[in-house]
Amino acid sequence: MNPISKALEQHYSATFSRHGASSEGVDWGSDEARMFLRYEKMLSVGAFAAGNRASLLDVGCGYGGLQQFAIRRNIDLDYTGIDVAGNMIEWAGAHAS
């Protein structure tokens, strides 16, 4: 792993270990509403209409919060997430819908 990726992995693994599956766990601050606004904005750039399944590659997916948000919004995605923080990926795999 290159030094930048290693530093990111260490940082985000530590924040997730401290704060869990939350906006603080991905180092986005304590305001959960702002996290949901970010998810809204991320999904607004796609053509995610009802009945039209789309695929989405979430690079830096963290614990898969965007996927969970899309599911709650009834957005049907072929979702793939990748991240460098192993503890987040493990959590996402254990809690995938």
Protein backbone atom coordinates (compact mmCIF):
# COMPACT_ATOMS: atom_id res chain seq x y z
CA MET A 1 0.00 0.00 0.00
CA ASN A 2 1.40 3.43 -0.87
CA PRO A 3 2.12 5.89 1.99
CA ILE A 4 -0.89 8.14 1.26
CA SER A 5 -3.32 5.21 1.19
CA LYS A 6 -1.74 3.82 4.36
CA ALA A 7 -2.16 7.16 6.16
CA LEU A 8 -5.80 7.35 5.05
CA GLU A 9 -6.42 3.78 6.16
CA GLN A 10 -4.96 4.48 9.60
CA HIS A 11 -6.90 7.71 10.05
CA TYR A 12 -10.31 6.38 8.96
CA SER A 13 -9.88 3.07 10.77
CA ALA A 14 -9.20 5.02 13.97
CA THR A 15 -12.17 7.37 13.57
CA PHE A 16 -14.46 4.43 12.81
CA SER A 17 -13.15 2.52 15.82
CA ARG A 18 -13.91 5.53 18.04
CA HIS A 19 -17.27 6.59 16.61
CA GLY A 20 -18.73 3.63 14.71
CA ALA A 21 -21.20 3.82 11.82
CA SER A 22 -21.96 7.52 11.99
CA SER A 23 -21.00 10.85 10.45
CA GLU A 24 -18.21 11.12 13.02
CA GLY A 25 -17.03 7.61 12.14
CA VAL A 26 -16.25 8.80 8.60
CA ASP A 27 -14.83 12.10 9.93
CA TRP A 28 -17.67 14.27 8.58
CA GLY A 29 -18.43 15.92 11.92
CA SER A 30 -21.24 15.35 14.39
CA ASP A 31 -24.17 16.75 12.37
CA GLU A 32 -25.98 13.69 10.96
CA ALA A 33 -28.27 15.96 8.90
CA ARG A 34 -25.24 17.19 6.96
CA MET A 35 -24.26 13.59 6.22
CA PHE A 36 -27.72 12.92 4.78
CA LEU A 37 -27.48 16.12 2.73
CA ARG A 38 -24.20 14.84 1.29
CA TYR A 39 -25.90 11.57 0.36
CA GLU A 40 -28.78 13.49 -1.27
CA LYS A 41 -26.31 15.50 -3.34
CA MET A 42 -24.33 12.41 -4.33
CA LEU A 43 -27.44 10.63 -5.55
CA SER A 44 -28.85 13.73 -7.27
CA VAL A 45 -26.23 13.54 -10.03
CA GLY A 46 -27.50 10.16 -11.21
CA ALA A 47 -30.57 9.22 -13.17
CA PHE A 48 -32.03 7.08 -10.41
CA ALA A 49 -35.69 6.90 -11.44
CA ALA A 50 -38.13 4.39 -10.04
CA GLY A 51 -38.07 1.19 -12.03
CA ASN A 52 -34.70 1.91 -13.64
CA ARG A 53 -31.97 -0.09 -11.93
CA ALA A 54 -28.63 1.70 -12.06
CA SER A 55 -25.15 0.70 -11.04
CA LEU A 56 -23.03 2.77 -8.69
CA LEU A 57 -19.38 2.42 -7.71
CA ASP A 58 -18.81 4.15 -4.37
CA VAL A 59 -15.06 4.78 -4.02
CA GLY A 60 -14.33 5.59 -0.40
CA CYS A 61 -17.63 4.03 0.68
CA GLY A 62 -16.76 3.88 4.37
CA TYR A 63 -19.29 1.66 6.09
CA GLY A 64 -21.75 1.75 3.17
CA GLY A 65 -23.91 4.59 4.46
CA LEU A 66 -24.74 5.80 0.97
CA GLN A 67 -26.11 2.38 0.05
CA GLN A 68 -28.25 2.28 3.20
CA PHE A 69 -29.52 5.79 2.43
CA ALA A 70 -30.42 4.76 -1.14
CA ILE A 71 -32.30 1.71 0.13
CA ARG A 72 -34.34 3.88 2.52
CA ARG A 73 -35.16 6.14 -0.47
CA ASN A 74 -36.29 3.10 -2.51
CA ILE A 75 -33.53 3.67 -5.05
CA ASP A 76 -32.71 0.34 -6.71
CA LEU A 77 -28.94 0.20 -7.18
CA ASP A 78 -26.45 -2.38 -8.24
CA TYR A 79 -24.07 -1.05 -5.57
CA THR A 80 -20.36 -1.72 -5.21
CA GLY A 81 -18.33 0.00 -2.50
CA ILE A 82 -14.58 0.06 -2.00
CA ASP A 83 -12.55 1.56 0.82
CA VAL A 84 -9.09 1.30 2.39
CA ALA A 85 -10.36 1.01 5.99
CA GLY A 86 -10.75 -2.69 6.67
CA ASN A 87 -12.92 -2.26 9.77
CA MET A 88 -15.44 -0.22 7.77
CA ILE A 89 -15.55 -2.81 4.99
CA GLU A 90 -16.04 -5.60 7.54
CA TRP A 91 -18.90 -3.67 9.19
CA ALA A 92 -20.51 -2.98 5.81
CA GLY A 93 -20.33 -6.64 4.85
CA ALA A 94 -21.92 -7.71 8.11
CA HIS A 95 -24.75 -5.14 7.78
CA ALA A 96 -25.36 -5.19 4.02
CA SER A 97 -28.97 -5.21 2.93
